[in-house]
């Protein structure tokens, strides 16, 4: 009968301990990666909503510029049409004097879960001065023969 001696009797169970610690470190690393990934998705979604709200506020202010702040006749509050029905707006046009521009504030609000968020844009817009523009017809003066035009280019 041959009895074998272990070369390292004090190292029993060390491999199991290393495997357990490696598993714990791997789990922690994966948890950090998942947390970073979910936070980046939340930040991306929030940024997208802020960008859409800024576009909508810009659209409101552009309509005030087009019509003139003194002749603006569209609704000053309400909800946007599809696909932006989650967003609502409020437009405030404040008159100061005939020599100064109007103060125009556009507030766009939207809901995200339980919270309500908003973006507020304030600018000064001068009223349109000068003669009223006459509506000019937008039809061409001469009829356009599109087929003949293409045949002339080939010749």
N, C-alpha and C. Protein backbone atom coordinates (compact mmCIF):
# COMPACT_ATOMS: atom_id res chain seq x y z
N UNK A 1 0.83 -1.16 0.00
CA UNK A 1 0.00 0.00 0.00
C UNK A 1 0.88 1.23 0.00
N UNK A 2 0.60 2.10 -0.96
CA UNK A 2 1.40 3.31 -1.11
C UNK A 2 0.57 4.48 -0.62
N UNK A 3 1.11 5.24 0.25
CA UNK A 3 0.43 6.44 0.78
C UNK A 3 1.07 7.65 0.11
N UNK A 4 0.20 8.43 -0.47
CA UNK A 4 0.72 9.64 -1.12
C UNK A 4 0.51 10.83 -0.20
N UNK A 5 1.50 11.63 -0.14
CA UNK A 5 1.39 12.85 0.65
C UNK A 5 1.04 14.01 -0.28
N UNK A 6 0.22 14.85 0.22
CA UNK A 6 -0.11 16.05 -0.56
C UNK A 6 1.03 17.03 -0.44
N UNK A 7 1.32 17.68 -1.55
CA UNK A 7 2.43 18.62 -1.52
C UNK A 7 2.06 19.92 -0.81
N UNK A 8 0.79 20.30 -0.83
CA UNK A 8 0.35 21.53 -0.17
C UNK A 8 -0.91 21.25 0.65
N UNK A 9 -0.76 20.78 1.84
CA UNK A 9 -1.95 20.44 2.62
C UNK A 9 -2.75 21.66 3.05
N UNK A 10 -2.20 22.84 3.11
CA UNK A 10 -2.92 24.02 3.58
C UNK A 10 -3.70 24.71 2.46
N UNK A 11 -3.69 24.21 1.23
CA UNK A 11 -4.39 24.83 0.10
C UNK A 11 -5.71 24.15 -0.22
N UNK A 12 -6.29 23.44 0.69
CA UNK A 12 -7.57 22.79 0.41
C UNK A 12 -8.68 23.83 0.25
N UNK A 13 -9.46 23.71 -0.76
CA UNK A 13 -10.63 24.57 -0.97
C UNK A 13 -10.30 25.94 -1.55
N UNK A 14 -9.07 26.19 -1.88
CA UNK A 14 -8.68 27.50 -2.41
C UNK A 14 -9.26 27.69 -3.81
N UNK A 15 -9.28 26.67 -4.62
CA UNK A 15 -9.81 26.77 -5.98
C UNK A 15 -11.30 27.10 -5.94
N UNK A 16 -12.03 26.51 -5.01
CA UNK A 16 -13.46 26.81 -4.87
C UNK A 16 -13.66 28.27 -4.47
N UNK A 17 -12.84 28.75 -3.57
CA UNK A 17 -12.92 30.14 -3.14
C UNK A 17 -12.62 31.09 -4.30
N UNK A 18 -11.65 30.75 -5.12
CA UNK A 18 -11.32 31.58 -6.28
C UNK A 18 -12.46 31.61 -7.28
N UNK A 19 -13.11 30.51 -7.49
CA UNK A 19 -14.26 30.45 -8.42
C UNK A 19 -15.41 31.30 -7.89
N UNK A 20 -15.68 31.22 -6.59
CA UNK A 20 -16.77 32.01 -6.00
C UNK A 20 -16.47 33.49 -6.11
N UNK A 21 -15.24 33.89 -5.77
CA UNK A 21 -14.87 35.30 -5.87
C UNK A 21 -14.91 35.79 -7.32
N UNK A 22 -14.46 34.97 -8.24
CA UNK A 22 -14.54 35.33 -9.66
C UNK A 22 -15.97 35.52 -10.12
N UNK A 23 -16.86 34.67 -9.65
CA UNK A 23 -18.29 34.80 -9.99
C UNK A 23 -18.87 36.08 -9.43
N UNK A 24 -18.48 36.42 -8.21
CA UNK A 24 -18.99 37.66 -7.60
C UNK A 24 -18.49 38.87 -8.37
N UNK A 25 -17.21 38.88 -8.72
CA UNK A 25 -16.66 40.00 -9.49
C UNK A 25 -17.31 40.10 -10.87
N UNK A 26 -17.58 39.00 -11.51
CA UNK A 26 -18.25 38.99 -12.81
C UNK A 26 -19.66 39.55 -12.69
N UNK A 27 -20.38 39.14 -11.64
CA UNK A 27 -21.74 39.64 -11.42
C UNK A 27 -21.74 41.14 -11.16
N UNK A 28 -20.78 41.63 -10.38
CA UNK A 28 -20.68 43.07 -10.13
C UNK A 28 -20.38 43.83 -11.43
N UNK A 29 -19.47 43.31 -12.21
CA UNK A 29 -19.15 43.95 -13.49
C UNK A 29 -20.34 44.01 -14.43
N UNK A 30 -21.07 42.91 -14.54
CA UNK A 30 -22.27 42.91 -15.40
C UNK A 30 -23.33 43.85 -14.86
N UNK A 31 -23.47 43.94 -13.54
CA UNK A 31 -24.44 44.87 -12.94
C UNK A 31 -24.10 46.32 -13.28
N UNK A 32 -22.82 46.66 -13.24
CA UNK A 32 -22.41 48.02 -13.58
C UNK A 32 -22.69 48.31 -15.05
N UNK A 33 -22.38 47.37 -15.91
CA UNK A 33 -22.63 47.56 -17.35
C UNK A 33 -24.13 47.74 -17.62
N UNK A 34 -24.97 46.94 -16.98
CA UNK A 34 -26.42 47.05 -17.18
C UNK A 34 -26.94 48.40 -16.67
N UNK A 35 -26.42 48.86 -15.53
CA UNK A 35 -26.84 50.15 -14.97
C UNK A 35 -26.46 51.28 -15.91
N UNK A 36 -25.24 51.25 -16.42
CA UNK A 36 -24.80 52.30 -17.34
C UNK A 36 -25.65 52.27 -18.61
N UNK A 37 -25.95 51.10 -19.11
CA UNK A 37 -26.78 50.98 -20.32
C UNK A 37 -28.18 51.53 -20.11
N UNK A 38 -28.81 51.21 -18.99
CA UNK A 38 -30.17 51.70 -18.75
C UNK A 38 -30.18 53.20 -18.54
N UNK A 39 -29.18 53.74 -17.86
CA UNK A 39 -29.12 55.19 -17.66
C UNK A 39 -28.90 55.92 -18.98
N UNK A 40 -28.11 55.35 -19.85
CA UNK A 40 -27.89 55.99 -21.15
C UNK A 40 -29.16 55.99 -21.99
N UNK A 41 -29.96 54.93 -21.91
CA UNK A 41 -31.23 54.90 -22.63
C UNK A 41 -32.20 55.95 -22.08
N UNK A 42 -32.24 56.11 -20.77
CA UNK A 42 -33.11 57.13 -20.16
C UNK A 42 -32.66 58.52 -20.58
N UNK A 43 -31.35 58.76 -20.57
CA UNK A 43 -30.83 60.07 -20.98
C UNK A 43 -31.12 60.34 -22.45
N UNK A 44 -31.01 59.33 -23.29
CA UNK A 44 -31.30 59.49 -24.71
C UNK A 44 -32.76 59.82 -24.93
N UNK A 45 -33.65 59.15 -24.23
CA UNK A 45 -35.08 59.41 -24.36
C UNK A 45 -35.42 60.82 -23.87
N UNK A 46 -34.84 61.23 -22.78
CA UNK A 46 -35.07 62.58 -22.25
C UNK A 46 -34.57 63.63 -23.24
N UNK A 47 -33.41 63.41 -23.81
CA UNK A 47 -32.87 64.34 -24.80
C UNK A 47 -33.73 64.43 -26.03
N UNK A 48 -34.27 63.31 -26.46
CA UNK A 48 -35.16 63.30 -27.63
C UNK A 48 -36.42 64.12 -27.35
N UNK A 49 -37.00 63.97 -26.17
CA UNK A 49 -38.20 64.72 -25.82
C UNK A 49 -37.91 66.22 -25.74
N UNK A 50 -36.75 66.58 -25.19
CA UNK A 50 -36.38 68.00 -25.12
C UNK A 50 -36.17 68.57 -26.52
N UNK A 51 -35.58 67.79 -27.40
CA UNK A 51 -35.36 68.24 -28.77
C UNK A 51 -36.69 68.47 -29.49
N UNK A 52 -37.63 67.55 -29.35
CA UNK A 52 -38.94 67.71 -29.98
C UNK A 52 -39.65 68.93 -29.41
N UNK A 53 -39.57 69.13 -28.09
CA UNK A 53 -40.20 70.30 -27.46
C UNK A 53 -39.58 71.60 -28.00
N UNK A 54 -38.27 71.62 -28.19
CA UNK A 54 -37.61 72.80 -28.74
C UNK A 54 -38.05 73.07 -30.17
N UNK A 55 -38.20 72.01 -30.97
CA UNK A 55 -38.70 72.17 -32.34
C UNK A 55 -40.10 72.77 -32.34
N UNK A 56 -40.95 72.25 -31.45
CA UNK A 56 -42.33 72.74 -31.40
C UNK A 56 -42.39 74.19 -30.94
N UNK A 57 -41.57 74.56 -29.96
CA UNK A 57 -41.52 75.96 -29.52
C UNK A 57 -41.02 76.85 -30.64
N UNK A 58 -40.04 76.38 -31.40
CA UNK A 58 -39.54 77.15 -32.54
C UNK A 58 -40.62 77.33 -33.59
N UNK A 59 -41.42 76.29 -33.81
CA UNK A 59 -42.53 76.39 -34.77
C UNK A 59 -43.54 77.44 -34.34
N UNK A 60 -43.87 77.46 -33.05
CA UNK A 60 -44.81 78.47 -32.54
C UNK A 60 -44.27 79.88 -32.76
N UNK A 61 -43.00 80.09 -32.41
CA UNK A 61 -42.41 81.42 -32.57
C UNK A 61 -42.30 81.81 -34.04
N UNK A 62 -42.04 80.86 -34.91
CA UNK A 62 -41.97 81.15 -36.34
C UNK A 62 -43.33 81.59 -36.88
N UNK A 63 -44.41 80.99 -36.37
CA UNK A 63 -45.75 81.42 -36.81
C UNK A 63 -46.05 82.84 -36.35
N UNK A 64 -45.56 83.23 -35.18
CA UNK A 64 -45.74 84.61 -34.72
C UNK A 64 -44.96 85.56 -35.62
N UNK A 65 -43.75 85.17 -36.03
CA UNK A 65 -42.96 86.01 -36.93
C UNK A 65 -43.66 86.15 -38.28
N UNK A 66 -44.20 85.06 -38.81
CA UNK A 66 -44.85 85.08 -40.12
C UNK A 66 -46.07 85.99 -40.11
N UNK A 67 -46.91 85.86 -39.10
CA UNK A 67 -48.14 86.65 -39.07
C UNK A 67 -47.94 88.03 -38.47
N UNK A 68 -46.90 88.20 -37.69
CA UNK A 68 -46.68 89.45 -36.97
C UNK A 68 -47.33 89.33 -35.60
N UNK A 69 -46.65 89.79 -34.55
CA UNK A 69 -47.20 89.62 -33.21
C UNK A 69 -48.48 90.40 -32.96
N UNK A 70 -48.67 91.51 -33.68
CA UNK A 70 -49.88 92.30 -33.49
C UNK A 70 -51.08 91.72 -34.24
N UNK A 71 -50.83 90.84 -35.21
CA UNK A 71 -51.92 90.27 -36.01
C UNK A 71 -52.03 88.76 -35.84
N UNK A 72 -51.43 88.23 -34.83
CA UNK A 72 -51.44 86.78 -34.62
C UNK A 72 -52.85 86.34 -34.23
N UNK A 73 -53.42 85.42 -35.00
CA UNK A 73 -54.81 85.01 -34.80
C UNK A 73 -54.98 83.54 -34.44
N UNK A 74 -53.92 82.79 -34.38
CA UNK A 74 -54.04 81.37 -34.05
C UNK A 74 -54.21 81.21 -32.54
N UNK A 75 -54.51 80.00 -32.12
CA UNK A 75 -54.72 79.72 -30.69
C UNK A 75 -53.43 79.97 -29.91
N UNK A 76 -53.58 80.53 -28.71
CA UNK A 76 -52.42 80.81 -27.87
C UNK A 76 -52.19 79.71 -26.83
N UNK A 77 -53.04 78.69 -26.82
CA UNK A 77 -52.80 77.54 -25.95
C UNK A 77 -53.56 76.34 -26.51
N UNK A 78 -53.08 75.16 -26.15
CA UNK A 78 -53.74 73.95 -26.62
C UNK A 78 -52.75 72.81 -26.72
N UNK A 79 -53.15 71.78 -27.46
CA UNK A 79 -52.30 70.61 -27.67
C UNK A 79 -51.92 70.53 -29.13
N UNK A 80 -50.76 69.96 -29.38
CA UNK A 80 -50.29 69.80 -30.75
C UNK A 80 -51.01 68.63 -31.40
N UNK A 81 -51.04 68.66 -32.72
CA UNK A 81 -51.65 67.57 -33.49
C UNK A 81 -50.72 66.36 -33.50
N UNK A 82 -51.27 65.23 -33.96
CA UNK A 82 -50.49 64.00 -34.06
C UNK A 82 -49.31 64.24 -34.99
N UNK A 83 -48.21 63.68 -34.74
CA UNK A 83 -47.84 62.68 -33.75
C UNK A 83 -47.31 63.28 -32.44
N UNK A 84 -47.59 64.56 -32.20
CA UNK A 84 -47.07 65.24 -31.01
C UNK A 84 -48.17 65.53 -30.00
N UNK A 85 -49.16 64.65 -29.90
CA UNK A 85 -50.30 64.89 -29.02
C UNK A 85 -49.93 64.85 -27.54
N UNK A 86 -48.76 64.32 -27.19
CA UNK A 86 -48.33 64.33 -25.79
C UNK A 86 -47.89 65.72 -25.33
N UNK A 87 -47.63 66.60 -26.28
CA UNK A 87 -47.12 67.93 -25.99
C UNK A 87 -48.25 68.95 -26.05
N UNK A 88 -48.24 69.87 -25.10
CA UNK A 88 -49.19 70.98 -25.12
C UNK A 88 -48.40 72.29 -25.07
N UNK A 89 -49.06 73.39 -25.39
CA UNK A 89 -48.34 74.66 -25.48
C UNK A 89 -49.14 75.81 -24.91
N UNK A 90 -48.41 76.85 -24.59
CA UNK A 90 -49.00 78.12 -24.18
C UNK A 90 -48.12 79.21 -24.78
N UNK A 91 -48.76 80.18 -25.40
CA UNK A 91 -48.04 81.26 -26.08
C UNK A 91 -48.50 82.57 -25.48
N UNK A 92 -47.56 83.39 -25.04
CA UNK A 92 -47.87 84.67 -24.42
C UNK A 92 -47.22 85.77 -25.25
N UNK A 93 -48.04 86.68 -25.78
CA UNK A 93 -47.54 87.80 -26.57
C UNK A 93 -47.83 89.07 -25.78
N UNK A 94 -46.76 89.74 -25.36
CA UNK A 94 -46.90 90.90 -24.47
C UNK A 94 -46.52 92.17 -25.23
N UNK A 95 -47.45 93.12 -25.28
CA UNK A 95 -47.24 94.40 -25.94
C UNK A 95 -46.55 95.35 -24.96
N UNK A 96 -45.50 96.07 -25.43
CA UNK A 96 -44.84 97.06 -24.58
C UNK A 96 -45.16 98.48 -25.05
N UNK A 97 -44.85 98.80 -26.29
CA UNK A 97 -45.19 100.11 -26.87
C UNK A 97 -45.05 100.00 -28.38
N UNK A 98 -45.45 101.07 -29.07
CA UNK A 98 -45.37 101.04 -30.53
C UNK A 98 -43.93 101.03 -31.04
N UNK A 99 -43.01 101.57 -30.26
CA UNK A 99 -41.62 101.66 -30.69
C UNK A 99 -40.78 100.44 -30.28
N UNK A 100 -41.29 99.60 -29.44
CA UNK A 100 -40.52 98.46 -28.95
C UNK A 100 -41.12 97.15 -29.47
N UNK A 101 -40.28 96.12 -29.59
CA UNK A 101 -40.80 94.82 -30.03
C UNK A 101 -41.66 94.16 -28.95
N UNK A 102 -42.45 93.23 -29.38
CA UNK A 102 -43.29 92.45 -28.47
C UNK A 102 -42.41 91.41 -27.77
N UNK A 103 -42.73 91.11 -26.51
CA UNK A 103 -42.10 89.99 -25.82
C UNK A 103 -42.98 88.77 -26.05
N UNK A 104 -42.42 87.74 -26.63
CA UNK A 104 -43.17 86.53 -26.95
C UNK A 104 -42.53 85.36 -26.20
N UNK A 105 -43.37 84.64 -25.45
CA UNK A 105 -42.92 83.48 -24.69
C UNK A 105 -43.70 82.26 -25.14
N UNK A 106 -42.99 81.21 -25.50
CA UNK A 106 -43.60 79.93 -25.87
C UNK A 106 -43.22 78.90 -24.81
N UNK A 107 -44.22 78.26 -24.21
CA UNK A 107 -43.99 77.22 -23.21
C UNK A 107 -44.58 75.93 -23.75
N UNK A 108 -43.75 74.91 -23.85
CA UNK A 108 -44.19 73.60 -24.33
C UNK A 108 -44.03 72.63 -23.15
N UNK A 109 -45.12 71.93 -22.80
CA UNK A 109 -45.09 70.98 -21.69
C UNK A 109 -45.39 69.58 -22.19
N UNK A 110 -44.89 68.58 -21.46
CA UNK A 110 -45.16 67.18 -21.78
C UNK A 110 -45.01 66.36 -20.51
N UNK A 111 -45.66 65.20 -20.49
CA UNK A 111 -45.60 64.31 -19.33
C UNK A 111 -44.64 63.17 -19.60
N UNK A 112 -43.86 62.86 -18.56
CA UNK A 112 -42.98 61.69 -18.60
C UNK A 112 -43.24 60.91 -17.33
N UNK A 113 -44.03 59.88 -17.43
CA UNK A 113 -44.38 59.10 -16.25
C UNK A 113 -45.22 59.94 -15.29
N UNK A 114 -44.71 60.14 -14.08
CA UNK A 114 -45.44 60.93 -13.09
C UNK A 114 -45.09 62.41 -13.18
N UNK A 115 -43.97 62.74 -13.80
CA UNK A 115 -43.50 64.12 -13.85
C UNK A 115 -44.05 64.85 -15.07
N UNK A 116 -44.16 66.17 -14.92
CA UNK A 116 -44.50 67.02 -16.06
C UNK A 116 -43.31 67.92 -16.31
N UNK A 117 -42.82 67.93 -17.52
CA UNK A 117 -41.66 68.74 -17.87
C UNK A 117 -42.08 69.83 -18.84
N UNK A 118 -41.25 70.86 -18.92
CA UNK A 118 -41.56 71.95 -19.83
C UNK A 118 -40.28 72.59 -20.34
N UNK A 119 -40.43 73.29 -21.46
CA UNK A 119 -39.35 74.11 -22.00
C UNK A 119 -39.97 75.47 -22.28
N UNK A 120 -39.26 76.51 -21.91
CA UNK A 120 -39.76 77.88 -22.07
C UNK A 120 -38.77 78.67 -22.91
N UNK A 121 -39.27 79.31 -23.96
CA UNK A 121 -38.44 80.11 -24.85
C UNK A 121 -39.04 81.50 -24.92
N UNK A 122 -38.24 82.51 -24.63
CA UNK A 122 -38.69 83.90 -24.67
C UNK A 122 -37.83 84.67 -25.66
N UNK A 123 -38.49 85.48 -26.48
CA UNK A 123 -37.77 86.27 -27.46
C UNK A 123 -38.53 87.58 -27.70
N UNK A 124 -37.91 88.49 -28.41
CA UNK A 124 -38.56 89.74 -28.79
C UNK A 124 -38.80 89.71 -30.29
N UNK A 125 -40.03 90.05 -30.69
CA UNK A 125 -40.39 90.04 -32.11
C UNK A 125 -41.03 91.37 -32.43
N UNK A 126 -40.47 92.05 -33.43
CA UNK A 126 -41.01 93.34 -33.85
C UNK A 126 -42.23 93.13 -34.73
N UNK A 127 -43.13 94.09 -34.68
CA UNK A 127 -44.30 93.98 -35.56
C UNK A 127 -43.88 94.30 -36.97
N UNK A 128 -44.66 93.84 -37.91
CA UNK A 128 -44.36 94.05 -39.32
C UNK A 128 -44.77 95.45 -39.71
N UNK A 129 -43.81 96.21 -40.24
CA UNK A 129 -44.06 97.61 -40.60
C UNK A 129 -44.00 97.71 -42.12
N UNK A 130 -44.85 98.54 -42.67
CA UNK A 130 -44.85 98.76 -44.11
C UNK A 130 -46.23 98.50 -44.67
N UNK A 131 -46.31 98.59 -45.99
CA UNK A 131 -47.58 98.39 -46.65
C UNK A 131 -47.98 96.93 -46.60
N UNK A 132 -49.27 96.72 -46.60
CA UNK A 132 -49.76 95.35 -46.64
C UNK A 132 -49.37 94.72 -47.97
N UNK A 133 -48.87 93.54 -47.91
CA UNK A 133 -48.50 92.84 -49.13
C UNK A 133 -49.75 92.32 -49.81
N UNK A 134 -49.80 92.57 -51.11
CA UNK A 134 -50.94 92.05 -51.87
C UNK A 134 -50.68 90.60 -52.21
N UNK A 135 -51.74 89.85 -52.20
CA UNK A 135 -51.63 88.43 -52.54
C UNK A 135 -51.42 88.34 -54.05
N UNK A 136 -50.26 87.90 -54.46
CA UNK A 136 -49.98 87.75 -55.89
C UNK A 136 -50.31 86.33 -56.32
N UNK A 137 -50.88 86.19 -57.49
CA UNK A 137 -51.20 84.83 -57.95
C UNK A 137 -49.91 84.06 -58.20
N UNK A 138 -49.92 82.80 -57.83
CA UNK A 138 -48.73 81.98 -57.95
C UNK A 138 -48.77 81.07 -59.18
N UNK A 139 -49.67 81.35 -60.08
CA UNK A 139 -49.75 80.56 -61.31
C UNK A 139 -48.73 81.11 -62.31
N UNK A 140 -48.16 80.26 -63.16
CA UNK A 140 -47.21 80.75 -64.16
C UNK A 140 -47.91 81.63 -65.19
N UNK A 141 -47.16 82.60 -65.74
CA UNK A 141 -47.74 83.51 -66.72
C UNK A 141 -48.07 82.79 -68.03
N UNK A 142 -47.21 81.87 -68.43
CA UNK A 142 -47.44 81.08 -69.63
C UNK A 142 -47.65 79.63 -69.24
N UNK A 143 -48.52 78.92 -69.97
CA UNK A 143 -48.69 77.50 -69.64
C UNK A 143 -47.39 76.74 -69.90
N UNK A 144 -47.11 75.77 -69.07
CA UNK A 144 -45.88 74.99 -69.18
C UNK A 144 -46.21 73.66 -69.84
N UNK A 145 -45.56 73.41 -70.97
CA UNK A 145 -45.71 72.14 -71.66
C UNK A 145 -44.50 71.28 -71.29
N UNK A 146 -44.67 70.43 -70.32
CA UNK A 146 -43.54 69.67 -69.79
C UNK A 146 -42.99 68.66 -70.80
N UNK A 147 -43.86 68.05 -71.59
CA UNK A 147 -43.37 67.08 -72.58
C UNK A 147 -42.49 67.78 -73.62
N UNK A 148 -42.94 68.93 -74.10
CA UNK A 148 -42.17 69.64 -75.11
C UNK A 148 -40.82 70.11 -74.53
N UNK A 149 -40.83 70.47 -73.29
CA UNK A 149 -39.60 70.91 -72.64
C UNK A 149 -38.54 69.80 -72.66
N UNK A 150 -38.96 68.57 -72.38
CA UNK A 150 -38.01 67.48 -72.38
C UNK A 150 -37.53 67.14 -73.78
N UNK A 151 -38.42 67.30 -74.77
CA UNK A 151 -37.99 67.01 -76.14
C UNK A 151 -37.02 68.08 -76.64
N UNK A 152 -37.17 69.33 -76.19
CA UNK A 152 -36.24 70.38 -76.58
C UNK A 152 -34.86 70.14 -76.00
N UNK A 153 -34.79 69.60 -74.79
CA UNK A 153 -33.49 69.35 -74.18
C UNK A 153 -32.74 68.23 -74.88
N UNK A 154 -33.45 67.26 -75.44
CA UNK A 154 -32.80 66.13 -76.12
C UNK A 154 -32.24 66.56 -77.48
N UNK A 155 -32.85 67.54 -78.10
CA UNK A 155 -32.44 67.92 -79.47
C UNK A 155 -31.14 68.67 -79.51
